[in-house]
Amino acid sequence: MNWFKKKFEQFSEKLNADDTSFGAIEKKEEGRVPQTPKVPERSASSGRVDNIEELKEITLGAISNTVRMLGYSNTVISGLVFHSVYKDNAIENVGLMSLMKDPRFLSRIKRELKSRGVAYKDDLRMEVLHESPDTGKVTAITEGIGVEVLTPKDVLKKQKARVVATEGVTWEPEYILEPTGKHYFIGRGKDPKIESGPKIHNDIAFVGIEEKNEEQYKVNNFISRSHAVIVFDKEIGAYKLFRSKFLNNPSHKIKIFNASLDDFSGISLSNATVPHILKNGDSICFNDRIVLEFGLLD
């Protein structure tokens, strides 16, 4: 019997086991009327659950607790993210994943949201993050598992982006941007020395002729050592493109086009303090020769 089969059988045993932890047998005491024992309340972080039904009820309770104040606002819920400290093949995650695939469980969640006056998208998304470092930062369900409710703005705040050079040659075939507030510097060379300025590090780096003196890299001379910066704005949930403060020569141009939005005239970026909010499909053109394609990742 292989390891996975053994794990699955262990999980099945948990699902089928009779729950006797709360005292299912009534005891008669002399002179007293027998009473049905009450199930003691269980806090979300008191321990692991023993079966799938218990996990379902505790999860619904945690979701209800998280959204209880949203009924008084215009907030729309886009999705639910379940954070787990366990590996993807752990028994706890097997149970969690089985809930995510159960349409009846999703219907119960929607009924709960509706009963509390909370608006939600019809295509309400549910996702499980295994070995999540943020488990302790979200609403606890049980030991090692928590839930996070996402609004459209929250989704944007978690959205990664990708930039790829379609004209010019970068050191990497693509660059993935994280919505952390980090400044991604764009320019020629990995660690160029700015004339009459500091030595900087380019996160999106075009191969400089100073680094590789080959014919194919000469096109990169059309981009400055420090030409632009991309940074994620958490307040608006969008990536912004700035002209580099080290780009002192006004003749160096930055222009943004978006063919998918029928924007062929382009927007010029000439002021280092005035950004352009990047949209999915934007083409960032440097000095009419070097082009970076910007795209949001699902």
Protein backbone atom coordinates (compact mmCIF):
# COMPACT_ATOMS: atom_id res chain seq x y z
CA MET A 1 0.00 0.00 0.00
CA ASN A 2 1.54 3.29 -1.04
CA TRP A 3 1.74 6.39 1.16
CA PHE A 4 -1.04 8.34 -0.57
CA LYS A 5 -3.49 5.42 -0.32
CA LYS A 6 -2.71 5.13 3.37
CA LYS A 7 -3.37 8.85 3.89
CA PHE A 8 -6.64 8.66 2.01
CA GLU A 9 -7.80 5.71 4.09
CA GLN A 10 -6.92 7.59 7.25
CA PHE A 11 -9.02 10.51 6.07
CA SER A 12 -11.91 8.22 5.11
CA GLU A 13 -11.84 6.70 8.58
CA LYS A 14 -12.16 10.19 10.03
CA LEU A 15 -15.14 10.99 7.83
CA ASN A 16 -16.94 7.76 8.74
CA ALA A 17 -16.07 7.68 12.40
CA ASP A 18 -18.83 8.25 14.93
CA ASP A 19 -18.23 11.44 16.86
CA THR A 20 -18.26 10.46 20.51
CA SER A 21 -16.19 13.35 21.81
CA PHE A 22 -19.22 15.28 23.00
CA GLY A 23 -20.88 12.39 24.90
CA ALA A 24 -23.59 10.84 22.78
CA ILE A 25 -24.83 8.52 25.56
CA GLU A 26 -27.34 9.94 27.98
CA LYS A 27 -26.98 9.08 31.62
CA LYS A 28 -29.93 9.05 34.00
CA GLU A 29 -29.37 10.45 37.43
CA GLU A 30 -31.60 9.49 40.31
CA GLY A 31 -34.44 11.98 40.86
CA ARG A 32 -33.74 13.93 37.66
CA VAL A 33 -35.39 14.03 34.24
CA PRO A 34 -32.99 12.84 31.51
CA GLN A 35 -31.81 15.68 29.30
CA THR A 36 -30.19 15.70 25.91
CA PRO A 37 -26.55 16.67 26.38
CA LYS A 38 -25.55 20.00 24.87
CA VAL A 39 -22.69 20.27 22.43
CA PRO A 40 -20.10 22.54 24.03
CA GLU A 41 -19.08 25.58 22.04
CA ARG A 42 -15.77 25.19 20.32
CA SER A 43 -13.55 28.11 19.52
CA ALA A 44 -12.08 28.36 16.03
CA SER A 45 -8.56 27.80 17.26
CA SER A 46 -9.18 25.17 19.95
CA GLY A 47 -7.92 22.23 17.92
CA ARG A 48 -8.24 20.12 14.81
CA VAL A 49 -11.61 18.94 13.57
CA ASP A 50 -12.45 15.26 13.51
CA ASN A 51 -14.69 14.95 10.47
CA ILE A 52 -15.82 16.76 7.34
CA GLU A 53 -19.21 17.83 8.74
CA GLU A 54 -17.57 19.49 11.71
CA LEU A 55 -15.12 21.26 9.40
CA LYS A 56 -18.04 22.43 7.26
CA GLU A 57 -19.95 23.94 10.20
CA ILE A 58 -16.91 25.60 11.74
CA THR A 59 -15.94 27.03 8.34
CA LEU A 60 -19.41 28.49 7.82
CA GLY A 61 -19.26 29.99 11.30
CA ALA A 62 -15.89 31.62 10.60
CA ILE A 63 -17.14 33.06 7.29
CA SER A 64 -20.29 34.37 8.99
CA ASN A 65 -18.20 35.98 11.71
CA THR A 66 -15.92 37.62 9.14
CA VAL A 67 -18.69 39.17 7.02
CA ARG A 68 -21.14 40.16 9.77
CA MET A 69 -20.37 43.90 9.45
CA LEU A 70 -20.34 43.96 5.65
CA GLY A 71 -24.13 43.89 5.47
CA TYR A 72 -24.11 47.55 6.52
CA SER A 73 -21.95 48.61 3.56
CA ASN A 74 -21.95 48.45 -0.23
CA THR A 75 -19.08 45.96 -0.24
CA VAL A 76 -19.30 43.13 -2.76
CA ILE A 77 -17.47 39.89 -2.01
CA SER A 78 -15.48 38.50 -4.93
CA GLY A 79 -14.06 35.40 -3.35
CA LEU A 80 -12.82 33.45 -0.36
CA VAL A 81 -9.24 32.37 0.20
CA PHE A 82 -8.57 29.56 2.65
CA HIS A 83 -5.09 29.65 4.16
CA SER A 84 -3.58 26.43 5.50
CA VAL A 85 -0.24 25.80 7.17
CA TYR A 86 -0.34 22.17 6.02
CA LYS A 87 1.13 20.63 2.90
CA ASP A 88 -1.17 20.00 -0.04
CA ASN A 89 -1.28 16.24 0.65
CA ALA A 90 -2.08 16.57 4.37
CA ILE A 91 -5.35 15.09 5.64
CA GLU A 92 -6.53 18.54 6.73
CA ASN A 93 -6.13 19.90 3.22
CA VAL A 94 -7.80 16.88 1.66
CA GLY A 95 -10.90 17.71 3.68
CA LEU A 96 -10.67 21.41 2.85
CA MET A 97 -10.32 20.72 -0.87
CA SER A 98 -13.32 18.38 -0.79
CA LEU A 99 -15.42 21.25 0.60
CA MET A 100 -14.26 23.60 -2.15
CA LYS A 101 -15.47 21.12 -4.79
CA ASP A 102 -18.87 20.61 -3.18
CA PRO A 103 -21.50 22.79 -4.94
CA ARG A 104 -23.86 22.32 -1.99
CA PHE A 105 -21.29 23.88 0.33
CA LEU A 106 -20.92 26.87 -2.00
CA SER A 107 -24.72 27.23 -2.02
CA ARG A 108 -24.75 27.26 1.78
CA ILE A 109 -22.10 29.99 1.81
CA LYS A 110 -24.16 32.10 -0.58
CA ARG A 111 -27.29 31.58 1.54
CA GLU A 112 -25.36 32.68 4.61
CA LEU A 113 -24.10 35.81 2.86
CA LYS A 114 -27.58 36.60 1.56
CA SER A 115 -29.15 36.15 5.00
CA ARG A 116 -26.75 38.76 6.36
CA GLY A 117 -27.44 41.20 3.53
CA VAL A 118 -23.95 40.81 2.08
CA ALA A 119 -23.63 41.22 -1.69
CA TYR A 120 -21.45 38.78 -3.60
CA LYS A 121 -20.47 38.07 -7.19
CA ASP A 122 -22.30 35.24 -8.91
CA ASP A 123 -18.97 33.66 -9.83
CA LEU A 124 -17.80 33.64 -6.23
CA ARG A 125 -14.28 32.21 -6.27
CA MET A 126 -12.82 29.90 -3.64
CA GLU A 127 -9.14 29.08 -3.39
CA VAL A 128 -6.94 27.09 -1.00
CA LEU A 129 -3.37 28.23 -0.30
CA HIS A 130 -1.23 25.40 1.06
CA GLU A 131 1.60 26.19 3.51
CA SER A 132 0.44 29.80 3.60
CA PRO A 133 2.56 32.18 5.71
CA ASP A 134 -0.53 34.35 6.25
CA THR A 135 -2.63 31.74 8.05
CA GLY A 136 -2.24 33.49 11.38
CA LYS A 137 -3.28 36.86 9.90
CA VAL A 138 -6.76 35.83 8.76
CA THR A 139 -9.93 34.68 10.54
CA ALA A 140 -9.21 31.32 12.19
CA ILE A 141 -11.34 28.30 11.30
CA THR A 142 -9.47 25.65 13.21
CA GLU A 143 -5.90 24.81 14.10
CA GLY A 144 -3.70 25.75 11.14
CA ILE A 145 -6.56 26.84 8.85
CA GLY A 146 -8.08 30.30 8.32
CA VAL A 147 -10.29 32.15 5.85
CA GLU A 148 -9.91 35.52 4.12
CA VAL A 149 -12.81 37.33 2.45
CA LEU A 150 -11.86 39.21 -0.71
CA THR A 151 -13.52 42.26 -2.24
CA PRO A 152 -12.77 43.43 -5.81
CA LYS A 153 -10.29 45.93 -4.38
CA ASP A 154 -8.62 43.20 -2.32
CA VAL A 155 -8.26 41.08 -5.46
CA LEU A 156 -6.50 43.94 -7.21
CA LYS A 157 -4.17 44.35 -4.26
CA LYS A 158 -3.02 40.76 -4.74
CA GLN A 159 -2.64 40.90 -8.51
CA LYS A 160 0.75 40.18 -9.99
CA ALA A 161 1.91 41.53 -13.33
CA ARG A 162 4.39 40.52 -16.01
CA VAL A 163 6.59 42.59 -18.30
CA VAL A 164 8.27 41.20 -21.41
CA ALA A 165 10.56 42.97 -23.87
CA THR A 166 9.27 42.74 -27.44
CA GLU A 167 11.88 45.16 -28.77
CA GLY A 168 15.31 45.12 -27.16
CA VAL A 169 16.99 42.34 -25.18
CA THR A 170 16.65 41.90 -21.42
CA TRP A 171 18.70 39.70 -19.13
CA GLU A 172 15.62 37.65 -18.25
CA PRO A 173 12.92 36.45 -20.70
CA GLU A 174 10.22 37.96 -18.45
CA TYR A 175 9.86 39.77 -15.15
CA ILE A 176 7.10 39.11 -12.61
CA LEU A 177 6.00 42.09 -10.52
CA GLU A 178 4.60 41.61 -7.03
CA PRO A 179 1.98 43.99 -5.53
CA THR A 180 4.18 44.85 -2.55
CA GLY A 181 5.07 48.51 -3.09
CA LYS A 182 8.56 47.61 -4.27
CA HIS A 183 10.09 49.98 -6.86
CA TYR A 184 11.06 48.13 -10.05
CA PHE A 185 13.74 50.16 -11.83
CA ILE A 186 14.00 49.84 -15.61
CA GLY A 187 17.16 50.59 -17.58
CA ARG A 188 20.26 49.42 -19.41
CA GLY A 189 22.59 47.20 -17.40
CA LYS A 190 22.04 45.33 -14.16
CA ASP A 191 24.01 47.66 -11.89
CA PRO A 192 24.91 50.75 -13.89
CA LYS A 193 26.70 53.84 -12.61
CA ILE A 194 24.64 56.95 -13.29
CA GLU A 195 26.62 59.82 -14.78
CA SER A 196 27.19 62.37 -12.01
CA GLY A 197 25.06 60.16 -9.77
CA PRO A 198 24.94 56.90 -7.78
CA LYS A 199 25.32 53.30 -8.81
CA ILE A 200 21.83 51.74 -9.02
CA HIS A 201 20.28 48.33 -9.52
CA ASN A 202 17.85 47.75 -12.36
CA ASP A 203 15.20 45.13 -11.57
CA ILE A 204 14.15 45.05 -15.24
CA ALA A 205 17.51 45.18 -16.96
CA PHE A 206 18.37 45.39 -20.66
CA VAL A 207 21.74 43.90 -21.59
CA GLY A 208 24.20 46.75 -21.90
CA ILE A 209 26.88 46.89 -24.54
CA GLU A 210 29.18 47.55 -21.57
CA GLU A 211 28.26 44.12 -20.23
CA LYS A 212 28.24 42.14 -23.51
CA ASN A 213 29.88 43.78 -26.48
CA GLU A 214 27.91 41.96 -29.15
CA GLU A 215 25.96 43.19 -32.17
CA GLN A 216 22.57 41.92 -30.95
CA TYR A 217 22.72 44.13 -27.86
CA LYS A 218 23.47 47.42 -29.63
CA VAL A 219 19.74 48.15 -29.94
CA ASN A 220 19.69 48.54 -26.16
CA ASN A 221 21.68 51.78 -26.51
CA PHE A 222 18.29 53.40 -27.14
CA ILE A 223 17.36 52.99 -23.47
CA SER A 224 18.98 54.94 -20.67
CA ARG A 225 20.83 53.39 -17.74
CA SER A 226 17.87 54.47 -15.61
CA HIS A 227 14.81 55.20 -17.70
CA ALA A 228 11.66 54.39 -15.70
CA VAL A 229 10.22 52.90 -12.52
CA ILE A 230 7.14 50.72 -11.93
CA VAL A 231 5.60 50.65 -8.45
CA PHE A 232 2.35 49.16 -7.12
CA ASP A 233 -0.03 51.61 -5.42
CA LYS A 234 -1.90 49.75 -2.68
CA GLU A 235 -4.44 52.54 -2.23
CA ILE A 236 -5.87 52.24 -5.74
CA GLY A 237 -4.80 48.65 -6.43
CA ALA A 238 -2.85 49.44 -9.61
CA TYR A 239 0.68 49.55 -10.99
CA LYS A 240 2.09 52.99 -11.82
CA LEU A 241 4.81 53.87 -14.29
CA PHE A 242 7.08 56.81 -13.47
CA ARG A 243 9.77 58.51 -15.47
CA SER A 244 13.07 57.95 -13.66
CA LYS A 245 14.33 60.83 -11.54
CA PHE A 246 17.81 60.04 -12.89
CA LEU A 247 16.65 60.65 -16.46
CA ASN A 248 17.90 64.22 -16.77
CA ASN A 249 17.94 64.44 -20.55
CA PRO A 250 14.46 65.67 -21.67
CA SER A 251 15.03 64.24 -25.16
CA HIS A 252 14.74 60.69 -23.76
CA LYS A 253 11.14 59.69 -24.39
CA ILE A 254 8.65 57.35 -22.74
CA LYS A 255 5.36 56.70 -24.52
CA ILE A 256 2.58 54.27 -23.64
CA PHE A 257 0.23 52.65 -26.19
CA ASN A 258 -2.58 50.14 -25.80
CA ALA A 259 -3.72 48.53 -29.04
CA SER A 260 -6.37 46.41 -27.27
CA LEU A 261 -8.06 49.64 -26.16
CA ASP A 262 -7.65 51.28 -29.59
CA ASP A 263 -5.12 53.71 -28.10
CA PHE A 264 -2.69 54.28 -30.97
CA SER A 265 -1.88 57.94 -30.30
CA GLY A 266 -0.08 57.11 -27.07
CA ILE A 267 0.53 58.95 -23.80
CA SER A 268 3.86 60.67 -23.22
CA LEU A 269 5.50 60.55 -19.80
CA SER A 270 7.68 63.64 -19.41
CA ASN A 271 7.37 64.50 -15.71
CA ALA A 272 9.00 62.30 -13.06
CA THR A 273 6.32 63.22 -10.50
CA VAL A 274 3.30 62.47 -12.70
CA PRO A 275 2.76 58.72 -13.22
CA HIS A 276 0.81 56.71 -15.75
CA ILE A 277 -1.52 54.07 -14.32
CA LEU A 278 -0.70 50.92 -16.24
CA LYS A 279 -3.50 48.92 -17.82
CA ASN A 280 -3.49 45.35 -18.99
CA GLY A 281 -1.94 45.25 -22.48
CA ASP A 282 0.00 48.51 -22.25
CA SER A 283 3.07 48.81 -24.48
CA ILE A 284 5.79 50.96 -22.92
CA CYS A 285 8.02 52.45 -25.62
CA PHE A 286 11.42 53.98 -24.84
CA ASN A 287 12.90 56.41 -27.39
CA ASP A 288 10.69 54.94 -30.14
CA ARG A 289 12.79 51.76 -30.29
CA ILE A 290 12.68 49.70 -27.06
CA VAL A 291 9.31 48.19 -26.06
CA LEU A 292 8.09 46.48 -22.89
CA GLU A 293 4.70 44.76 -22.84
CA PHE A 294 2.82 45.00 -19.54
CA GLY A 295 0.16 42.44 -18.58
CA LEU A 296 -1.79 41.55 -15.45
CA LEU A 297 -1.72 37.94 -14.28
CA ASP A 298 -4.91 36.11 -13.25
